[in-house]
C-alpha atoms as a PDB file:
ATOM      1  CA  GLU A   1     140.959 111.463 104.714  1.00  0.00           C
ATOM      2  CA  LEU A   2     139.025 108.205 104.398  1.00  0.00           C
ATOM      3  CA  VAL A   3     136.107 107.532 106.689  1.00  0.00           C
ATOM      4  CA  ALA A   4     136.300 104.297 108.667  1.00  0.00           C
ATOM      5  CA  PRO A   5     133.769 101.702 107.528  1.00  0.00           C
ATOM      6  CA  LEU A   6     130.800 100.960 109.726  1.00  0.00           C
ATOM      7  CA  PRO A   7     130.971  97.816 111.849  1.00  0.00           C
ATOM      8  CA  THR A   8     129.488  94.879 109.946  1.00  0.00           C
ATOM      9  CA  GLU A   9     126.242  94.745 111.925  1.00  0.00           C
ATOM     10  CA  HIS A  10     125.569  98.416 111.200  1.00  0.00           C
ATOM     11  CA  ALA A  11     126.581  98.167 107.549  1.00  0.00           C
ATOM     12  CA  GLY A  12     124.297  95.144 107.144  1.00  0.00           C
ATOM     13  CA  GLY A  13     121.433  97.086 108.660  1.00  0.00           C
ATOM     14  CA  GLU A  14     122.085  99.995 106.312  1.00  0.00           C
ATOM     15  CA  VAL A  15     122.162  97.705 103.277  1.00  0.00           C
ATOM     16  CA  ALA A  16     118.977  95.929 104.377  1.00  0.00           C
ATOM     17  CA  ALA A  17     117.222  99.278 104.907  1.00  0.00           C
ATOM     18  CA  ALA A  18     118.401 100.481 101.501  1.00  0.00           C
ATOM     19  CA  ARG A  19     117.031  97.330  99.867  1.00  0.00           C
ATOM     20  CA  VAL A  20     113.635  97.865 101.533  1.00  0.00           C
ATOM     21  CA  GLY A  21     113.698 101.491 100.357  1.00  0.00           C
ATOM     22  CA  LEU A  22     114.476 100.375  96.810  1.00  0.00           C
ATOM     23  CA  ALA A  23     111.691  97.789  96.973  1.00  0.00           C
ATOM     24  CA  THR A  24     109.255 100.503  98.071  1.00  0.00           C
ATOM     25  CA  ALA A  25     110.338 102.823  95.257  1.00  0.00           C
ATOM     26  CA  LEU A  26     109.972 100.063  92.666  1.00  0.00           C
ATOM     27  CA  ALA A  27     106.517  99.161  93.981  1.00  0.00           C
ATOM     28  CA  ARG A  28     105.392 102.791  93.742  1.00  0.00           C
ATOM     29  CA  SER A  29     106.821 102.996  90.254  1.00  0.00           C
ATOM     30  CA  ALA A  30     104.898  99.863  89.295  1.00  0.00           C
ATOM     31  CA  ALA A  31     101.718 101.467  90.663  1.00  0.00           C
ATOM     32  CA  GLY A  32     102.297 104.631  88.641  1.00  0.00           C
ATOM     33  CA  GLY A  33     103.520 106.549  91.680  1.00  0.00           C
ATOM     34  CA  ARG A  34     100.409 105.828  93.727  1.00  0.00           C
ATOM     35  CA  ARG A  35     100.523 104.247  97.157  1.00  0.00           C
ATOM     36  CA  GLY A  36      98.768 100.939  97.413  1.00  0.00           C
ATOM     37  CA  GLY A  37      98.837  99.179  94.102  1.00  0.00           C
ATOM     38  CA  ALA A  38      96.956  96.540  92.231  1.00  0.00           C
ATOM     39  CA  GLY A  39      94.713  95.381  95.070  1.00  0.00           C
ATOM     40  CA  GLY A  40      93.740  92.325  93.098  1.00  0.00           C
ATOM     41  CA  ALA A  41      93.458  94.111  89.744  1.00  0.00           C
ATOM     42  CA  LYS A  42      95.363  92.729  86.791  1.00  0.00           C
ATOM     43  CA  ILE A  43      98.752  94.327  86.320  1.00  0.00           C
ATOM     44  CA  GLY A  44     100.735  94.797  83.147  1.00  0.00           C
ATOM     45  CA  ALA A  45     103.949  92.982  82.316  1.00  0.00           C
ATOM     46  CA  ALA A  46     106.146  96.029  83.008  1.00  0.00           C
ATOM     47  CA  ALA A  47     104.541  96.619  86.395  1.00  0.00           C
ATOM     48  CA  GLU A  48     104.817  92.931  87.265  1.00  0.00           C
ATOM     49  CA  LYS A  49     108.516  92.972  86.391  1.00  0.00           C
ATOM     50  CA  LYS A  50     109.071  95.923  88.756  1.00  0.00           C
ATOM     51  CA  LEU A  51     107.123  94.197  91.518  1.00  0.00           C
ATOM     52  CA  VAL A  52     109.149  90.993  91.112  1.00  0.00           C
ATOM     53  CA  GLU A  53     112.375  93.020  91.305  1.00  0.00           C
ATOM     54  CA  ALA A  54     111.044  94.851  94.368  1.00  0.00           C
ATOM     55  CA  LEU A  55     110.178  91.510  95.986  1.00  0.00           C
ATOM     56  CA  GLU A  56     113.722  90.244  95.386  1.00  0.00           C
ATOM     57  CA  HIS A  57     115.152  93.265  97.214  1.00  0.00           C
ATOM     58  CA  ALA A  58     112.694  93.017 100.126  1.00  0.00           C
ATOM     59  CA  GLU A  59     113.317  89.270 100.505  1.00  0.00           C
ATOM     60  CA  ALA A  60     117.080  89.911 100.471  1.00  0.00           C
ATOM     61  CA  ALA A  61     116.628  92.395 103.324  1.00  0.00           C
ATOM     62  CA  VAL A  62     114.700  89.802 105.342  1.00  0.00           C
ATOM     63  CA  ARG A  63     117.428  87.210 104.667  1.00  0.00           C
ATOM     64  CA  MET A  64     120.087  89.669 105.836  1.00  0.00           C
ATOM     65  CA  HIS A  65     118.249  90.112 109.128  1.00  0.00           C
ATOM     66  CA  GLU A  66     117.714  86.361 109.537  1.00  0.00           C
ATOM     67  CA  GLU A  67     121.355  85.571 108.753  1.00  0.00           C
ATOM     68  CA  ALA A  68     122.551  88.130 111.284  1.00  0.00           C
ATOM     69  CA  ALA A  69     120.236  86.672 113.927  1.00  0.00           C
ATOM     70  CA  GLY A  70     121.234  83.111 113.083  1.00  0.00           C
ATOM     71  CA  SER A  71     124.933  83.853 113.315  1.00  0.00           C
ATOM     72  CA  GLY A  72     124.569  85.579 116.650  1.00  0.00           C
ATOM     73  CA  GLY A  73     125.001  88.914 114.926  1.00  0.00           C
ATOM     74  CA  ARG A  74     123.788  92.069 116.561  1.00  0.00           C
ATOM     75  CA  LEU A  75     121.767  93.269 113.555  1.00  0.00           C
ATOM     76  CA  ALA A  76     118.519  91.515 114.475  1.00  0.00           C
ATOM     77  CA  ALA A  77     118.994  92.188 118.174  1.00  0.00           C
ATOM     78  CA  ALA A  78     119.616  95.864 117.517  1.00  0.00           C
ATOM     79  CA  GLN A  79     116.994  96.275 114.789  1.00  0.00           C
ATOM     80  CA  PRO A  80     114.145  93.752 115.084  1.00  0.00           C
ATOM     81  CA  LEU A  81     111.724  96.457 114.017  1.00  0.00           C
ATOM     82  CA  ASP A  82     113.614  96.816 110.735  1.00  0.00           C
ATOM     83  CA  ALA A  83     113.309  93.059 110.215  1.00  0.00           C
ATOM     84  CA  SER A  84     109.553  93.361 110.807  1.00  0.00           C
ATOM     85  CA  LEU A  85     109.285  96.226 108.312  1.00  0.00           C
ATOM     86  CA  ALA A  86     111.183  94.212 105.697  1.00  0.00           C
ATOM     87  CA  ALA A  87     108.835  91.237 106.187  1.00  0.00           C
ATOM     88  CA  ASN A  88     105.874  93.621 105.934  1.00  0.00           C
ATOM     89  CA  ALA A  89     107.223  94.875 102.581  1.00  0.00           C
ATOM     90  CA  VAL A  90     107.543  91.281 101.361  1.00  0.00           C
ATOM     91  CA  ALA A  91     103.915  90.624 102.329  1.00  0.00           C
ATOM     92  CA  GLY A  92     102.635  93.685 100.478  1.00  0.00           C
ATOM     93  CA  LEU A  93     104.551  92.808  97.334  1.00  0.00           C
ATOM     94  CA  LEU A  94     103.381  89.198  97.399  1.00  0.00           C
ATOM     95  CA  GLU A  95      99.781  90.403  97.674  1.00  0.00           C
ATOM     96  CA  LYS A  96     100.226  92.753  94.730  1.00  0.00           C
ATOM     97  CA  LEU A  97     101.584  89.830  92.717  1.00  0.00           C
ATOM     98  CA  GLY A  98      98.513  87.744  93.588  1.00  0.00           C
ATOM     99  CA  ARG A  99     100.416  85.360  95.864  1.00  0.00           C
ATOM    100  CA  ASP A 100      97.935  85.813  98.679  1.00  0.00           C
ATOM    101  CA  GLU A 101      98.693  82.799 100.876  1.00  0.00           C
ATOM    102  CA  GLU A 102     102.392  83.633 100.865  1.00  0.00           C
ATOM    103  CA  ALA A 103     101.517  87.258 101.610  1.00  0.00           C
ATOM    104  CA  VAL A 104      99.506  86.320 104.695  1.00  0.00           C
ATOM    105  CA  ALA A 105     102.326  84.065 105.917  1.00  0.00           C
ATOM    106  CA  ALA A 106     104.875  86.867 105.423  1.00  0.00           C
ATOM    107  CA  MET A 107     102.653  89.338 107.260  1.00  0.00           C
ATOM    108  CA  GLY A 108     102.314  86.815 110.078  1.00  0.00           C
ATOM    109  CA  ARG A 109     106.109  86.722 110.309  1.00  0.00           C
ATOM    110  CA  ALA A 110     106.190  90.539 110.320  1.00  0.00           C
ATOM    111  CA  ALA A 111     103.743  90.509 113.238  1.00  0.00           C
ATOM    112  CA  GLU A 112     105.922  88.004 115.143  1.00  0.00           C
ATOM    113  CA  LEU A 113     108.980  90.187 114.576  1.00  0.00           C
ATOM    114  CA  ALA A 114     107.078  93.254 115.765  1.00  0.00           C
ATOM    115  CA  VAL A 115     106.270  91.491 119.045  1.00  0.00           C
ATOM    116  CA  GLU A 116     109.948  90.593 119.306  1.00  0.00           C
ATOM    117  CA  ALA A 117     110.821  94.258 118.687  1.00  0.00           C
ATOM    118  CA  ALA A 118     108.483  95.130 121.563  1.00  0.00           C
ATOM    119  CA  ASP A 119     110.396  92.786 123.885  1.00  0.00           C
ATOM    120  CA  GLY A 120     107.620  90.204 123.698  1.00  0.00           C
ATOM    121  CA  ASP A 121     104.855  92.616 124.709  1.00  0.00           C
ATOM    122  CA  ALA A 122     101.967  92.137 122.250  1.00  0.00           C
ATOM    123  CA  ASP A 123     100.225  95.155 123.803  1.00  0.00           C
ATOM    124  CA  GLU A 124     102.953  97.581 122.707  1.00  0.00           C
ATOM    125  CA  PRO A 125     101.786  99.951 119.924  1.00  0.00           C
ATOM    126  CA  ILE A 126     104.120  98.501 117.271  1.00  0.00           C
ATOM    127  CA  ALA A 127     102.963  94.953 118.017  1.00  0.00           C
ATOM    128  CA  ARG A 128      99.287  95.980 117.979  1.00  0.00           C
ATOM    129  CA  SER A 129      99.834  97.808 114.693  1.00  0.00           C
ATOM    130  CA  ALA A 130     101.408  94.720 113.151  1.00  0.00           C
ATOM    131  CA  ALA A 131      98.508  92.565 114.375  1.00  0.00           C
ATOM    132  CA  ARG A 132      96.075  95.033 112.758  1.00  0.00           C
ATOM    133  CA  ASN A 133      98.071  94.860 109.509  1.00  0.00           C
ATOM    134  CA  LEU A 134      97.817  91.073 109.545  1.00  0.00           C
ATOM    135  CA  ALA A 135      94.074  91.147 110.214  1.00  0.00           C
ATOM    136  CA  ALA A 136      93.560  93.754 107.478  1.00  0.00           C
ATOM    137  CA  LEU A 137      95.518  91.701 104.946  1.00  0.00           C
ATOM    138  CA  GLN A 138      93.586  88.565 105.858  1.00  0.00           C
ATOM    139  CA  ALA A 139      90.286  90.449 105.386  1.00  0.00           C
ATOM    140  CA  HIS A 140      91.483  91.943 102.086  1.00  0.00           C
ATOM    141  CA  VAL A 141      92.481  88.526 100.767  1.00  0.00           C
ATOM    142  CA  ARG A 142      89.102  87.102 101.838  1.00  0.00           C
ATOM    143  CA  ARG A 143      87.289  89.895  99.955  1.00  0.00           C
ATOM    144  CA  LYS A 144      89.409  89.277  96.855  1.00  0.00           C
ATOM    145  CA  GLN A 145      88.578  85.571  96.985  1.00  0.00           C
ATOM    146  CA  GLU A 146      84.869  86.317  97.423  1.00  0.00           C
ATOM    147  CA  ARG A 147      84.885  88.706  94.443  1.00  0.00           C
ATOM    148  CA  LYS A 148      86.702  86.112  92.366  1.00  0.00           C
ATOM    149  CA  SER A 149      84.188  83.402  93.335  1.00  0.00           C
ATOM    150  CA  LYS A 150      81.243  85.657  92.477  1.00  0.00           C
ATOM    151  CA  SER A 151      82.706  86.589  89.099  1.00  0.00           C
ATOM    152  CA  GLU A 152      83.328  82.915  88.284  1.00  0.00           C
ATOM    153  CA  LEU A 153      79.646  82.136  88.981  1.00  0.00           C
ATOM    154  CA  ARG A 154      78.486  84.615  86.353  1.00  0.00           C
END
């Protein structure tokens, strides 16, 4: 017997979550299985290719959430935390690719979505965690820029 398909908003959420999972797996593969990644270090062509592919999947997941929200779909309303996690993945991948300004902007969006997931309460743990992630990324990018400036002076 065939199983009935999931309603569209649930199927979309499943696909978006799968794309974020694939993006995470590709990023780990690019980092040689380690968590974290380049952190400003130069990356090889093969690793960069995996990171670009991972970014495409993470960005597609964010678009799926945005499209559902824009069309009045229930996906974003039911899963704003998933939308925040997808935007967080985009930010991490952009940073690994050296696209720091875009990474900070994406992490800012992830923080906004986390507040939305917390029903507008910035003091909720998930919203505070997202704010800490944003501050940490901003500090990391600042340190990278400082190191780059110092090395250029030598």
